[in-house]
Protein backbone atom coordinates (compact mmCIF):
# COMPACT_ATOMS: atom_id res chain seq x y z
CA MET A 1 164.12 -129.71 -108.21
CA LEU A 2 166.98 -129.50 -105.81
CA GLY A 3 166.41 -127.37 -102.74
CA GLN A 4 162.59 -127.88 -102.79
CA THR A 5 160.79 -130.15 -100.34
CA THR A 6 158.24 -132.64 -101.45
CA PRO A 7 154.82 -131.89 -100.01
CA ASP A 8 153.40 -134.50 -97.66
CA PRO A 9 150.10 -135.87 -98.89
CA ASP A 10 148.79 -136.21 -95.34
CA PRO A 11 147.11 -133.02 -94.26
CA LYS A 12 147.98 -133.75 -90.64
CA ASN A 13 151.63 -133.80 -91.51
CA GLN A 14 151.22 -130.61 -93.46
CA GLN A 15 149.61 -128.94 -90.53
CA ASN A 16 152.14 -130.24 -88.10
CA THR A 17 155.02 -129.07 -90.24
CA LYS A 18 153.81 -125.58 -89.78
CA ASN A 19 154.30 -125.98 -86.06
CA PRO A 20 158.04 -126.36 -85.52
CA SER A 21 157.53 -127.12 -81.81
CA ILE A 22 156.26 -130.66 -82.52
CA PRO A 23 159.04 -133.14 -83.37
CA HIS A 24 158.86 -134.93 -86.66
CA ASP A 25 158.99 -138.43 -85.25
CA GLN A 26 156.04 -137.68 -82.95
CA VAL A 27 154.02 -136.47 -85.88
CA SER A 28 154.70 -139.58 -87.89
CA SER A 29 153.80 -141.83 -84.95
CA ARG A 30 150.53 -140.02 -84.41
CA SER A 31 149.65 -140.25 -88.05
CA SER A 32 150.42 -143.95 -88.20
CA PHE A 33 148.39 -144.63 -85.04
CA GLY A 34 145.47 -142.62 -86.42
CA GLU A 35 145.57 -144.54 -89.68
CA PHE A 36 145.60 -147.84 -87.75
CA GLY A 37 142.67 -146.75 -85.61
CA ALA A 38 140.69 -145.67 -88.62
CA ARG A 39 141.24 -149.02 -90.33
CA SER A 40 140.45 -151.10 -87.24
CA SER A 41 136.79 -152.29 -86.94
CA MET A 42 137.06 -153.23 -83.25
CA SER A 43 137.59 -149.68 -82.02
CA PRO A 44 134.67 -148.31 -79.99
CA PRO A 45 132.65 -145.44 -81.36
CA ALA A 46 133.33 -141.95 -80.20
CA PRO A 47 131.37 -140.96 -77.14
CA ARG A 48 128.44 -138.62 -77.52
CA GLY A 49 129.31 -134.97 -77.07
CA THR A 50 132.98 -135.26 -78.15
CA SER A 51 134.32 -133.73 -81.30
CA SER A 52 135.46 -135.94 -84.17
CA GLN A 53 137.81 -133.31 -85.57
CA PRO A 54 141.53 -134.08 -85.75
CA VAL A 55 143.87 -132.78 -83.14
CA GLY A 56 145.08 -129.35 -83.89
CA GLN A 57 142.03 -128.20 -85.88
CA SER A 58 140.04 -125.33 -84.59
CA LYS A 59 136.73 -126.29 -83.01
CA THR A 60 133.56 -124.46 -84.01
CA LYS A 61 130.82 -123.92 -81.47
CA VAL A 62 127.65 -125.77 -82.44
CA GLN A 63 124.33 -124.37 -81.37
CA PRO A 64 122.12 -126.97 -79.60
CA THR A 65 118.97 -127.89 -81.47
CA GLN A 66 115.74 -127.30 -79.58
CA VAL A 67 113.75 -130.48 -79.16
CA PRO A 68 110.00 -130.05 -79.15
CA ARG A 69 108.22 -130.70 -75.86
CA GLY A 70 106.89 -134.24 -75.68
CA ALA A 71 109.35 -135.62 -78.26
CA ALA A 72 111.44 -138.64 -77.32
CA ALA A 73 115.10 -138.30 -76.51
CA GLY A 74 117.30 -138.94 -79.49
CA ALA A 75 114.55 -138.18 -82.01
CA SER A 76 115.16 -135.77 -84.79
CA PRO A 77 113.44 -132.40 -84.72
CA THR A 78 111.47 -133.21 -87.85
CA ASP A 79 109.96 -136.42 -86.38
CA THR A 80 106.24 -136.18 -85.45
CA PRO A 81 104.61 -138.25 -82.63
CA LYS A 82 103.39 -141.55 -84.00
CA SER A 83 99.73 -142.51 -83.63
CA PRO A 84 99.05 -145.72 -81.61
CA LYS A 85 99.05 -148.79 -83.74
CA LYS A 86 95.70 -150.44 -84.28
CA TYR A 87 95.44 -154.18 -83.75
CA ILE A 88 92.93 -156.69 -85.05
CA ASN A 89 91.76 -157.78 -81.59
CA ARG A 90 92.84 -157.76 -77.97
CA MET A 91 94.69 -161.03 -78.27
CA THR A 92 96.97 -159.61 -80.96
CA GLU A 93 97.63 -156.49 -78.92
CA ALA A 94 98.38 -158.55 -75.82
CA LYS A 95 100.80 -160.73 -77.80
CA ALA A 96 102.56 -157.62 -79.13
CA CYS A 97 102.87 -156.15 -75.63
CA LEU A 98 104.31 -159.44 -74.41
CA MET A 99 106.96 -159.46 -77.11
CA LYS A 100 107.88 -155.83 -76.43
CA ALA A 101 108.25 -156.47 -72.73
CA LYS A 102 110.53 -159.46 -73.32
CA LEU A 103 112.57 -157.47 -75.89
CA HIS A 104 113.13 -154.62 -73.43
CA LEU A 105 114.07 -157.06 -70.70
CA GLY A 106 116.60 -158.67 -73.03
CA ASN A 107 118.21 -155.29 -73.84
CA SER A 108 118.51 -154.34 -70.18
CA ARG A 109 121.93 -155.56 -69.07
CA ASN A 110 122.13 -154.10 -65.60
CA LEU A 111 119.07 -155.89 -64.11
CA LYS A 112 119.53 -158.98 -62.02
CA THR A 113 118.51 -162.35 -63.43
CA GLU A 114 115.96 -162.87 -60.67
CA ILE A 115 114.20 -159.62 -61.54
CA LYS A 116 114.12 -160.47 -65.24
CA THR A 117 112.73 -163.94 -64.49
CA GLY A 118 110.01 -162.56 -62.19
CA VAL A 119 108.92 -159.89 -64.65
CA THR A 120 108.86 -162.45 -67.50
CA GLU A 121 106.69 -164.85 -65.51
CA ALA A 122 104.31 -162.05 -64.52
CA VAL A 123 103.95 -160.88 -68.12
CA ASP A 124 103.36 -164.46 -69.32
CA ARG A 125 100.67 -164.94 -66.67
CA LEU A 126 99.03 -161.65 -67.62
CA TYR A 127 98.93 -162.73 -71.24
CA ALA A 128 97.41 -166.08 -70.25
CA LEU A 129 94.67 -164.29 -68.27
CA VAL A 130 93.87 -162.05 -71.22
CA LYS A 131 93.72 -165.10 -73.46
CA GLU A 132 91.33 -166.95 -71.11
CA ALA A 133 89.12 -163.89 -70.78
CA GLU A 134 88.87 -163.46 -74.52
CA GLU A 135 88.09 -167.16 -75.02
CA ASP A 136 85.33 -167.05 -72.38
CA ARG A 137 83.93 -163.92 -73.92
CA ALA A 138 83.94 -165.49 -77.36
CA GLY A 139 82.23 -168.65 -76.03
CA LYS A 140 79.49 -166.70 -74.25
CA SER A 141 78.82 -164.59 -77.28
CA ILE A 142 78.45 -167.72 -79.41
CA ASN A 143 76.03 -169.28 -76.91
CA ASN A 144 74.00 -166.08 -76.70
CA GLU A 145 73.83 -165.92 -80.47
CA LYS A 146 72.62 -169.52 -80.59
CA GLU A 147 69.97 -168.85 -77.92
CA VAL A 148 68.80 -165.77 -79.75
CA GLU A 149 68.63 -167.72 -82.98
CA VAL A 150 66.67 -170.52 -81.30
CA MET A 151 64.26 -168.20 -79.49
CA THR A 152 63.73 -165.95 -82.44
CA HIS A 153 62.83 -168.80 -84.75
CA PRO A 154 59.08 -168.34 -85.35
CA SER A 155 58.09 -171.99 -85.66
CA GLU A 156 59.80 -173.05 -82.45
CA VAL A 157 58.38 -170.12 -80.50
CA ILE A 158 54.86 -171.01 -81.63
CA GLN A 159 55.42 -174.65 -80.72
CA LYS A 160 56.59 -173.76 -77.22
CA LEU A 161 53.61 -171.45 -76.68
CA GLU A 162 51.24 -174.22 -77.68
CA GLU A 163 52.90 -176.63 -75.23
CA HIS A 164 52.61 -174.11 -72.39
CA ALA A 165 48.96 -173.51 -73.25
CA LYS A 166 48.24 -177.24 -73.02
CA LEU A 167 50.00 -177.46 -69.65
CA LEU A 168 48.01 -174.52 -68.28
CA GLN A 169 44.76 -176.06 -69.44
CA ARG A 170 45.64 -179.39 -67.85
CA ASN A 171 46.57 -177.69 -64.55
CA SER A 172 43.28 -175.79 -64.55
CA LEU A 173 41.35 -179.05 -64.92
CA ASP A 174 43.33 -180.63 -62.09
CA ILE A 175 42.65 -177.64 -59.82
CA GLU A 176 38.93 -177.81 -60.52
CA ARG A 177 38.91 -181.56 -59.80
CA LEU A 178 40.74 -181.06 -56.49
CA THR A 179 38.43 -178.24 -55.49
CA THR A 180 35.38 -180.43 -56.09
CA ALA A 181 36.92 -183.26 -54.09
CA LEU A 182 37.68 -180.95 -51.16
CA LYS A 183 34.12 -179.65 -51.14
CA ASN A 184 32.72 -183.18 -51.13
CA GLU A 185 35.07 -184.14 -48.30
CA GLN A 186 33.99 -181.15 -46.23
CA GLU A 187 30.33 -181.95 -46.80
CA SER A 188 30.88 -185.58 -45.80
CA ARG A 189 32.39 -184.45 -42.52
CA ASP A 190 29.28 -182.37 -41.74
CA ASN A 191 31.45 -179.41 -40.87
CA GLY A 192 32.97 -181.36 -37.99
CA MET A 193 36.23 -180.76 -36.16
CA THR A 194 38.78 -183.57 -36.01
CA TYR A 195 40.72 -184.54 -32.91
CA ALA A 196 43.96 -183.35 -34.51
CA SER A 197 42.53 -179.87 -34.95
CA VAL A 198 41.45 -179.88 -31.31
CA VAL A 199 44.99 -180.73 -30.20
CA ALA A 200 46.48 -178.07 -32.47
CA GLY A 201 44.03 -175.45 -31.22
CA SER A 202 42.87 -174.52 -34.72
CA SER A 203 40.50 -171.55 -34.84
CA ASN A 204 39.23 -172.09 -38.39
CA THR A 205 36.97 -175.07 -37.65
CA LYS A 206 34.25 -175.62 -35.03
CA PRO A 207 34.02 -178.60 -32.68
CA ALA A 208 31.12 -180.90 -33.28
CA GLU A 209 29.77 -184.02 -31.69
CA THR A 210 32.10 -186.20 -33.74
CA ALA A 211 35.07 -184.62 -31.94
CA CYS A 212 33.86 -185.83 -28.51
CA MET A 213 34.89 -189.12 -26.99
CA HIS A 214 32.16 -190.95 -25.05
CA SER A 215 33.74 -193.53 -22.76
CA ILE A 216 32.70 -196.29 -20.39
CA VAL A 217 34.61 -198.45 -17.90
CA VAL A 218 34.06 -202.18 -18.01
CA ALA A 219 35.15 -204.30 -15.02
CA SER A 220 34.71 -207.92 -13.91
CA LYS A 221 32.69 -208.82 -10.85
CA ASN A 222 35.00 -211.79 -10.29
CA ASP A 223 38.13 -210.71 -8.44
CA GLN A 224 40.04 -213.76 -9.65
CA GLU A 225 39.99 -212.74 -13.32
CA THR A 226 42.87 -210.84 -14.85
CA GLY A 227 42.70 -207.86 -17.16
CA ASP A 228 43.50 -210.03 -20.20
CA GLN A 229 40.62 -212.39 -19.38
CA VAL A 230 38.23 -209.46 -19.07
CA PHE A 231 39.45 -208.12 -22.42
CA GLU A 232 38.86 -211.46 -24.21
CA ARG A 233 35.40 -211.84 -22.73
CA LEU A 234 34.51 -208.32 -23.77
CA ARG A 235 35.61 -209.00 -27.37
CA LYS A 236 33.31 -212.03 -27.57
CA VAL A 237 30.36 -210.16 -26.10
CA VAL A 238 30.59 -207.05 -28.28
CA ASN A 239 31.57 -208.95 -31.48
CA ALA A 240 32.27 -205.70 -33.35
CA ARG A 241 33.19 -207.42 -36.65
CA GLU A 242 29.87 -209.23 -36.93
CA GLU A 243 27.62 -206.55 -35.52
CA GLY A 244 29.29 -203.63 -37.30
CA THR A 245 29.98 -201.70 -34.10
CA ARG A 246 32.41 -198.80 -34.43
CA ILE A 247 34.70 -198.51 -31.40
CA ASP A 248 37.38 -195.84 -31.58
CA ARG A 249 39.50 -196.60 -28.54
CA ILE A 250 39.99 -199.44 -26.08
CA ARG A 251 42.71 -199.82 -23.45
CA LYS A 252 43.44 -201.59 -20.20
CA VAL A 253 43.92 -199.71 -16.94
CA ARG A 254 44.61 -200.64 -13.37
CA ASP A 255 42.38 -202.93 -11.25
CA ARG A 256 41.51 -205.16 -14.23
CA LYS A 257 39.39 -202.48 -15.89
CA ILE A 258 38.85 -201.81 -19.59
CA ILE A 259 38.00 -198.39 -21.03
CA ILE A 260 36.01 -198.22 -24.29
CA GLY A 261 35.57 -194.99 -26.24
CA CYS A 262 33.19 -194.14 -29.09
CA ARG A 263 32.72 -190.98 -31.14
CA ASN A 264 28.93 -190.71 -30.72
CA GLU A 265 26.34 -191.64 -28.14
CA GLU A 266 24.48 -194.04 -30.45
CA GLU A 267 27.45 -196.39 -30.80
CA MET A 268 28.12 -196.23 -27.08
CA ARG A 269 24.49 -197.10 -26.32
CA LYS A 270 24.70 -200.19 -28.55
CA VAL A 271 27.83 -201.39 -26.74
CA LYS A 272 26.25 -200.96 -23.32
CA GLU A 273 23.05 -202.78 -24.33
CA ARG A 274 25.00 -205.71 -25.77
CA ILE A 275 27.16 -206.08 -22.64
CA GLY A 276 24.13 -205.91 -20.34
CA ALA A 277 22.14 -208.44 -22.38
CA LYS A 278 24.85 -211.11 -22.86
CA GLU A 279 27.12 -210.84 -19.84
CA ASN A 280 26.13 -210.64 -16.21
CA ASN A 281 29.63 -210.84 -14.73
CA LEU A 282 30.73 -207.53 -16.29
CA SER A 283 29.88 -204.16 -14.77
CA VAL A 284 29.56 -201.01 -16.91
CA GLU A 285 30.12 -197.48 -15.60
CA ASP A 286 29.92 -194.22 -17.53
CA ILE A 287 32.91 -191.91 -17.47
CA LYS A 288 32.11 -188.27 -17.10
CA SER A 289 34.31 -186.32 -19.46
CA LYS A 290 36.45 -183.54 -18.04
CA ASP A 291 36.18 -179.91 -19.00
CA PRO A 292 38.94 -178.58 -21.27
CA LEU A 293 41.63 -176.15 -20.18
CA ILE A 294 42.68 -172.78 -21.55
CA ILE A 295 45.76 -170.65 -20.80
CA LEU A 296 45.83 -166.85 -20.59
CA TYR A 297 49.33 -165.56 -21.37
CA GLY A 298 50.92 -162.60 -19.57
CA VAL A 299 48.24 -161.56 -17.09
CA LEU A 300 49.35 -158.90 -14.64
CA ASN A 301 49.86 -160.26 -11.12
CA SER A 302 47.84 -157.38 -9.70
CA ASN A 303 44.68 -159.09 -11.03
CA THR A 304 43.18 -161.60 -8.60
CA ASP A 305 41.27 -164.70 -9.69
CA GLU A 306 37.96 -162.92 -9.08
CA ASP A 307 39.11 -159.95 -11.16
CA ILE A 308 40.03 -162.24 -14.08
CA LEU A 309 36.70 -164.12 -13.97
CA LYS A 310 34.74 -160.87 -13.85
CA ALA A 311 36.73 -159.34 -16.70
CA ILE A 312 36.16 -162.40 -18.92
CA ARG A 313 32.40 -162.25 -18.43
CA VAL A 314 31.95 -158.45 -18.51
CA GLN A 315 34.54 -157.25 -21.02
CA ASN A 316 33.99 -160.11 -23.48
CA LYS A 317 30.21 -160.35 -23.70
CA HIS A 318 30.36 -160.54 -27.47
CA LEU A 319 32.25 -163.84 -27.16
CA LEU A 320 29.98 -165.40 -24.52
CA LYS A 321 26.58 -164.27 -25.81
CA GLU A 322 25.55 -167.88 -26.62
CA VAL A 323 26.73 -169.25 -23.25
CA ALA A 324 24.04 -169.63 -20.59
CA GLY A 325 22.94 -171.93 -17.78
CA ASP A 326 25.14 -174.91 -17.02
CA ASP A 327 27.57 -174.01 -19.81
CA ASP A 328 28.73 -170.91 -17.95
CA ARG A 329 31.60 -172.62 -16.10
CA ILE A 330 34.98 -170.94 -15.58
CA GLU A 331 37.40 -171.96 -12.83
CA ILE A 332 40.96 -170.71 -12.29
CA ARG A 333 43.15 -173.76 -11.64
CA TYR A 334 46.71 -172.46 -11.24
CA ARG A 335 49.26 -169.93 -12.48
CA ARG A 336 52.56 -170.48 -14.24
CA ARG A 337 55.58 -168.25 -13.98
CA ALA A 338 56.40 -165.98 -16.90
CA ARG A 339 59.65 -164.32 -17.96
CA ASN A 340 58.31 -160.98 -16.84
CA PRO A 341 58.17 -161.12 -13.03
CA LEU A 342 55.17 -158.75 -13.06
CA THR A 343 53.03 -161.18 -15.08
CA SER A 344 52.03 -164.85 -15.03
CA HIS A 345 50.24 -167.37 -17.24
CA VAL A 346 46.79 -168.26 -15.88
CA VAL A 347 45.35 -171.74 -16.54
CA ALA A 348 41.57 -172.06 -16.25
CA LYS A 349 39.09 -174.91 -16.67
CA VAL A 350 36.05 -173.92 -18.71
CA SER A 351 33.00 -175.53 -20.25
CA PRO A 352 33.24 -176.88 -23.82
CA LYS A 353 31.22 -173.94 -25.24
CA ILE A 354 33.39 -171.35 -23.54
CA TRP A 355 36.51 -173.23 -24.67
CA GLN A 356 35.23 -173.14 -28.25
CA SER A 357 34.41 -169.40 -28.15
CA LEU A 358 37.65 -168.26 -26.52
CA THR A 359 40.03 -170.46 -28.53
CA ASN A 360 38.33 -169.40 -31.77
CA ALA A 361 38.73 -165.74 -30.81
CA GLY A 362 42.39 -166.18 -29.84
CA ALA A 363 42.39 -163.24 -27.40
CA VAL A 364 40.30 -161.69 -24.62
CA HIS A 365 40.33 -158.37 -22.77
CA VAL A 366 41.28 -158.43 -19.09
CA ASP A 367 41.35 -155.06 -17.36
CA MET A 368 43.79 -152.86 -19.36
CA GLN A 369 45.22 -155.74 -21.41
CA ARG A 370 44.43 -157.78 -24.47
CA ILE A 371 45.45 -161.31 -23.49
CA ARG A 372 46.28 -164.15 -25.88
CA VAL A 373 44.24 -167.31 -25.27
CA ALA A 374 45.17 -170.86 -26.32
CA ASP A 375 44.29 -174.45 -25.57
CA GLN A 376 46.13 -176.01 -22.63
CA SER A 377 46.98 -179.69 -22.55
CA PRO A 378 45.68 -181.59 -19.52
CA LEU A 379 48.89 -183.64 -19.42
CA VAL A 380 50.78 -183.44 -16.12
CA GLN A 381 54.58 -183.86 -16.17
CA CYS A 382 56.76 -184.15 -13.10
CA SER A 383 59.50 -181.56 -12.83
CA ARG A 384 61.72 -183.90 -10.76
CA CYS A 385 61.81 -187.24 -12.62
CA LEU A 386 60.34 -185.77 -15.85
CA GLY A 387 57.75 -188.57 -15.97
CA TYR A 388 54.07 -188.17 -16.86
CA GLY A 389 50.83 -188.60 -14.92
CA HIS A 390 51.95 -187.05 -11.61
CA GLY A 391 53.48 -183.89 -10.21
CA LYS A 392 56.58 -183.24 -8.15
CA ARG A 393 54.57 -183.39 -4.94
CA PHE A 394 53.66 -187.05 -5.55
CA CYS A 395 56.99 -188.13 -7.07
CA THR A 396 58.77 -191.08 -5.44
CA GLU A 397 62.22 -190.21 -6.78
CA ALA A 398 64.70 -188.44 -4.50
CA VAL A 399 67.03 -186.90 -7.11
CA ASP A 400 66.22 -184.26 -9.72
CA VAL A 401 66.83 -185.24 -13.35
CA CYS A 402 68.22 -182.84 -15.97
CA SER A 403 65.81 -182.16 -18.84
CA HIS A 404 68.75 -181.55 -21.22
CA CYS A 405 70.96 -184.60 -20.81
CA GLY A 406 69.06 -186.83 -18.35
CA GLY A 407 71.77 -186.71 -15.68
CA GLU A 408 71.17 -186.48 -11.93
CA HIS A 409 71.44 -182.70 -11.65
CA LEU A 410 69.42 -179.61 -12.47
CA ARG A 411 69.44 -178.16 -15.94
CA SER A 412 71.09 -174.98 -14.64
CA ASP A 413 74.10 -177.10 -13.56
CA CYS A 414 74.30 -179.21 -16.73
CA PRO A 415 77.88 -179.23 -18.14
CA GLU A 416 76.71 -180.44 -21.57
CA GLU A 417 74.40 -177.49 -21.98
CA LEU A 418 77.24 -175.13 -21.12
CA LEU A 419 79.27 -176.78 -23.90
CA VAL A 420 76.31 -176.35 -26.31
CA ALA A 421 75.99 -180.11 -26.74
CA PRO A 422 72.78 -181.50 -28.31
CA PRO A 423 70.08 -182.52 -25.81
CA SER A 424 69.09 -186.09 -24.97
CA CYS A 425 65.54 -186.98 -23.86
CA ILE A 426 65.41 -189.33 -20.89
CA ASN A 427 61.82 -190.40 -21.66
CA CYS A 428 62.79 -191.54 -25.17
CA ALA A 429 65.74 -193.44 -23.68
CA LYS A 430 63.47 -195.22 -21.16
CA ALA A 431 61.01 -196.11 -23.93
CA LYS A 432 63.93 -197.48 -26.03
CA MET A 433 63.15 -195.05 -28.86
CA GLY A 434 66.69 -193.89 -29.43
CA ARG A 435 68.63 -190.98 -28.03
CA GLY A 436 65.92 -188.39 -28.71
CA GLU A 437 67.80 -185.19 -29.55
CA HIS A 438 65.28 -182.85 -27.91
CA ASN A 439 64.51 -181.53 -24.46
CA ALA A 440 62.36 -183.65 -22.15
CA PHE A 441 59.71 -180.88 -22.11
CA SER A 442 59.65 -180.51 -25.89
CA ASN A 443 56.37 -180.95 -27.76
CA ASP A 444 58.30 -182.85 -30.45
CA CYS A 445 58.89 -185.78 -28.10
CA PRO A 446 56.98 -188.87 -29.36
CA VAL A 447 56.55 -190.16 -25.80
CA ARG A 448 55.01 -186.85 -24.75
CA ARG A 449 52.64 -186.90 -27.75
CA LYS A 450 51.48 -190.39 -26.78
CA TRP A 451 50.77 -189.39 -23.18
CA ASP A 452 49.12 -186.16 -24.35
CA SER A 453 46.76 -188.16 -26.56
CA LEU A 454 45.80 -190.35 -23.60
CA ALA A 455 45.22 -187.33 -21.37
CA ARG A 456 42.98 -185.62 -23.95
CA SER A 457 40.87 -188.74 -24.50
CA THR A 458 38.99 -188.03 -21.25
CA VAL A 459 38.31 -184.38 -22.09
CA ALA A 460 35.08 -183.17 -23.67
CA TYR A 461 35.80 -180.51 -26.29
CA CYS A 462 32.14 -180.22 -27.30
């Protein structure tokens, strides 16, 4: 009909027509732009919190929905907290955590590439560690199961028990056989003490006649003969291989003399009779054995030699009850310095019976002390040249020798000892026995053991 306007199908235009203040061309441009924006797929979504109502519509106030405490942001009010997902094993859970971590790192756009790379490597390494741990755990469990299966098998357990029983029975027989052999060996020795036990100062065995060394000195009446000629003549006269004579020691000494040692008086008597009957140019002289030495450790310096001798006899009567007559011989020889300046080590020469009693006891009472007693070697070592057989007073050397390195200085001034260098024995070097990594006064020195054996051969320990 004429005079009537056609209604605009667009509600925006209808609304805008009611407002005469907005020009018509502006309304049409807005509507066309809105239609273009609605049809375009590249337009960004509306930001959160902004209204999606068209311009000009009245806005209604929306009440905010209360989110339960503990619920995640963005979750609906009806959502309930999900229970943790259960995995088959730890490897599966570790793999899932690894994938989640990488997914979250991929969605984070604001982190630097270096940070993403570092976190990825750390997560990969953590997964590898979990994998190795699970594999080791699985391997150990399999081995334990196998061991349990093997050990719990009845037939194999019985077989192993039978084998162990046979081994125990065999060991018992061997022990009985060894015990019998030891008893027979002890009986064959007649409860005697060996020379090695005398040197070691053992207190479990007793000296017997077999431990003594009976010696004689054989010399030539002809001054023109050498020591080697005397030795050869003596071998022909004694003829030990044919006569069955048992000689334990023979050695040459100065002045063309030969020393012969036997373990018992009967063998020595046979040797002397054979020399006297077959050889007139050889002279035989008995060697009187020396008394052994003992050392008393840590005796107070306030005790004189007479006080020590009296204390040994009076305070230790239970140790000397079998000593009488000529066997009661005790003589103080000298004293050695001790670390404690108030004490000293006393060396005494005693009879064989007293030596046996005191060394077996291991200690004696002297005044207000209980003193440790031990065997003392008769070997004399020079403190200047470190040689054997003489003391410093009779030494012909003019310079002191270091016992640590062998240099011409005292041990207190040795630079090698200050640098904690290993020692070097001068006696081993002179004997061409190597460097000898020990002190010159050490009991481990092979040269010292040789000289100690020679010095003890003239001592009567019984």
